Amino acid sequence: TQELQSALDRLQKNETERQLFMMNISHELRTPATAILGEVEVTMRDKSASHDVYRETLRNIGTIGKQLALRVEDLLVLSHSEK
């Protein structure tokens, strides 16, 4: 029974680590997505925004999008390394 308890303890530890990992991933992806949506929303509210404002917003969205893509790429590398 000690072996079973040890296996159960390892499973519970792994599940806790998996949940923490998923929370971290969610945060890492949600943050840039929220920033992108915020940039769009603020710019769209300003009916008198100039062409330069739209260009700057697109530049910001591009930068944040690249950061998001890098995080996704990191996840893909991580998933392949675990195989």
C-alpha atoms as a PDB file:
ATOM      1  CA  THR A   1       0.000   0.000   0.000  1.00  0.00           C
ATOM      2  CA  GLN A   2       2.972   2.322   0.504  1.00  0.00           C
ATOM      3  CA  GLU A   3       3.774   2.060  -3.201  1.00  0.00           C
ATOM      4  CA  LEU A   4       0.206   2.973  -4.077  1.00  0.00           C
ATOM      5  CA  GLN A   5       0.283   5.951  -1.719  1.00  0.00           C
ATOM      6  CA  SER A   6       3.582   7.071  -3.221  1.00  0.00           C
ATOM      7  CA  ALA A   7       2.149   6.788  -6.739  1.00  0.00           C
ATOM      8  CA  LEU A   8      -0.954   8.723  -5.680  1.00  0.00           C
ATOM      9  CA  ASP A   9       1.215  11.443  -4.129  1.00  0.00           C
ATOM     10  CA  ARG A  10       3.208  11.749  -7.381  1.00  0.00           C
ATOM     11  CA  LEU A  11       0.003  11.939  -9.419  1.00  0.00           C
ATOM     12  CA  GLN A  12      -1.394  14.656  -7.175  1.00  0.00           C
ATOM     13  CA  LYS A  13       1.871  16.603  -7.373  1.00  0.00           C
ATOM     14  CA  ASN A  14       1.891  16.273 -11.162  1.00  0.00           C
ATOM     15  CA  GLU A  15      -1.709  17.475 -11.352  1.00  0.00           C
ATOM     16  CA  THR A  16      -0.916  20.492  -9.180  1.00  0.00           C
ATOM     17  CA  GLU A  17       2.087  21.327 -11.374  1.00  0.00           C
ATOM     18  CA  ARG A  18      -0.032  20.898 -14.523  1.00  0.00           C
ATOM     19  CA  GLN A  19      -2.684  23.264 -13.188  1.00  0.00           C
ATOM     20  CA  LEU A  20      -0.066  25.860 -12.280  1.00  0.00           C
ATOM     21  CA  PHE A  21       1.527  25.497 -15.712  1.00  0.00           C
ATOM     22  CA  MET A  22      -1.821  25.986 -17.441  1.00  0.00           C
ATOM     23  CA  MET A  23      -2.550  29.072 -15.329  1.00  0.00           C
ATOM     24  CA  ASN A  24       0.834  30.516 -16.293  1.00  0.00           C
ATOM     25  CA  ILE A  25       0.266  29.771 -19.975  1.00  0.00           C
ATOM     26  CA  SER A  26      -3.167  31.376 -19.831  1.00  0.00           C
ATOM     27  CA  HIS A  27      -1.697  34.497 -18.269  1.00  0.00           C
ATOM     28  CA  GLU A  28       1.152  34.667 -20.792  1.00  0.00           C
ATOM     29  CA  LEU A  29      -1.300  34.474 -23.708  1.00  0.00           C
ATOM     30  CA  ARG A  30      -4.089  36.573 -22.224  1.00  0.00           C
ATOM     31  CA  THR A  31      -1.849  39.546 -21.426  1.00  0.00           C
ATOM     32  CA  PRO A  32      -0.784  40.361 -25.001  1.00  0.00           C
ATOM     33  CA  ALA A  33      -4.230  39.505 -26.370  1.00  0.00           C
ATOM     34  CA  THR A  34      -5.782  41.966 -23.917  1.00  0.00           C
ATOM     35  CA  ALA A  35      -3.228  44.611 -24.894  1.00  0.00           C
ATOM     36  CA  ILE A  36      -4.067  44.163 -28.587  1.00  0.00           C
ATOM     37  CA  LEU A  37      -7.788  44.440 -27.941  1.00  0.00           C
ATOM     38  CA  GLY A  38      -7.224  47.480 -25.731  1.00  0.00           C
ATOM     39  CA  GLU A  39      -5.214  49.242 -28.446  1.00  0.00           C
ATOM     40  CA  VAL A  40      -7.984  48.613 -30.959  1.00  0.00           C
ATOM     41  CA  GLU A  41     -10.789  49.666 -28.623  1.00  0.00           C
ATOM     42  CA  VAL A  42      -9.149  52.937 -27.563  1.00  0.00           C
ATOM     43  CA  THR A  43      -8.285  53.874 -31.135  1.00  0.00           C
ATOM     44  CA  MET A  44     -11.748  53.000 -32.462  1.00  0.00           C
ATOM     45  CA  ARG A  45     -13.388  55.193 -29.793  1.00  0.00           C
ATOM     46  CA  ASP A  46     -11.495  58.249 -30.994  1.00  0.00           C
ATOM     47  CA  LYS A  47     -13.588  59.303 -33.980  1.00  0.00           C
ATOM     48  CA  SER A  48     -11.203  62.151 -34.759  1.00  0.00           C
ATOM     49  CA  ALA A  49      -8.036  60.014 -34.718  1.00  0.00           C
ATOM     50  CA  SER A  50      -5.547  60.990 -37.363  1.00  0.00           C
ATOM     51  CA  HIS A  51      -3.864  58.760 -39.878  1.00  0.00           C
ATOM     52  CA  ASP A  52      -0.734  58.909 -37.698  1.00  0.00           C
ATOM     53  CA  VAL A  53      -2.661  57.661 -34.667  1.00  0.00           C
ATOM     54  CA  TYR A  54      -3.950  54.687 -36.655  1.00  0.00           C
ATOM     55  CA  ARG A  55      -0.435  53.940 -37.927  1.00  0.00           C
ATOM     56  CA  GLU A  56       0.974  54.081 -34.381  1.00  0.00           C
ATOM     57  CA  THR A  57      -1.794  51.789 -33.143  1.00  0.00           C
ATOM     58  CA  LEU A  58      -1.041  49.315 -35.913  1.00  0.00           C
ATOM     59  CA  ARG A  59       2.651  49.494 -35.027  1.00  0.00           C
ATOM     60  CA  ASN A  60       1.824  48.741 -31.384  1.00  0.00           C
ATOM     61  CA  ILE A  61      -0.446  45.870 -32.369  1.00  0.00           C
ATOM     62  CA  GLY A  62       2.316  44.497 -34.590  1.00  0.00           C
ATOM     63  CA  THR A  63       4.830  44.616 -31.745  1.00  0.00           C
ATOM     64  CA  ILE A  64       2.462  42.947 -29.302  1.00  0.00           C
ATOM     65  CA  GLY A  65       1.456  40.392 -31.938  1.00  0.00           C
ATOM     66  CA  LYS A  66       5.114  39.449 -32.420  1.00  0.00           C
ATOM     67  CA  GLN A  67       5.485  38.990 -28.664  1.00  0.00           C
ATOM     68  CA  LEU A  68       2.402  36.779 -28.648  1.00  0.00           C
ATOM     69  CA  ALA A  69       3.753  34.738 -31.568  1.00  0.00           C
ATOM     70  CA  LEU A  70       7.040  34.225 -29.701  1.00  0.00           C
ATOM     71  CA  ARG A  71       5.190  32.931 -26.657  1.00  0.00           C
ATOM     72  CA  VAL A  72       3.211  30.515 -28.812  1.00  0.00           C
ATOM     73  CA  GLU A  73       6.445  29.383 -30.481  1.00  0.00           C
ATOM     74  CA  ASP A  74       7.964  28.794 -27.037  1.00  0.00           C
ATOM     75  CA  LEU A  75       4.984  26.603 -26.168  1.00  0.00           C
ATOM     76  CA  LEU A  76       5.416  24.597 -29.365  1.00  0.00           C
ATOM     77  CA  VAL A  77       9.109  24.073 -28.654  1.00  0.00           C
ATOM     78  CA  LEU A  78       8.282  23.036 -25.109  1.00  0.00           C
ATOM     79  CA  SER A  79       5.633  20.568 -26.263  1.00  0.00           C
ATOM     80  CA  HIS A  80       8.038  19.023 -28.780  1.00  0.00           C
ATOM     81  CA  SER A  81      10.828  18.763 -26.188  1.00  0.00           C
ATOM     82  CA  GLU A  82       8.510  16.849 -23.844  1.00  0.00           C
ATOM     83  CA  LYS A  83       7.927  14.200 -26.496  1.00  0.00           C
END
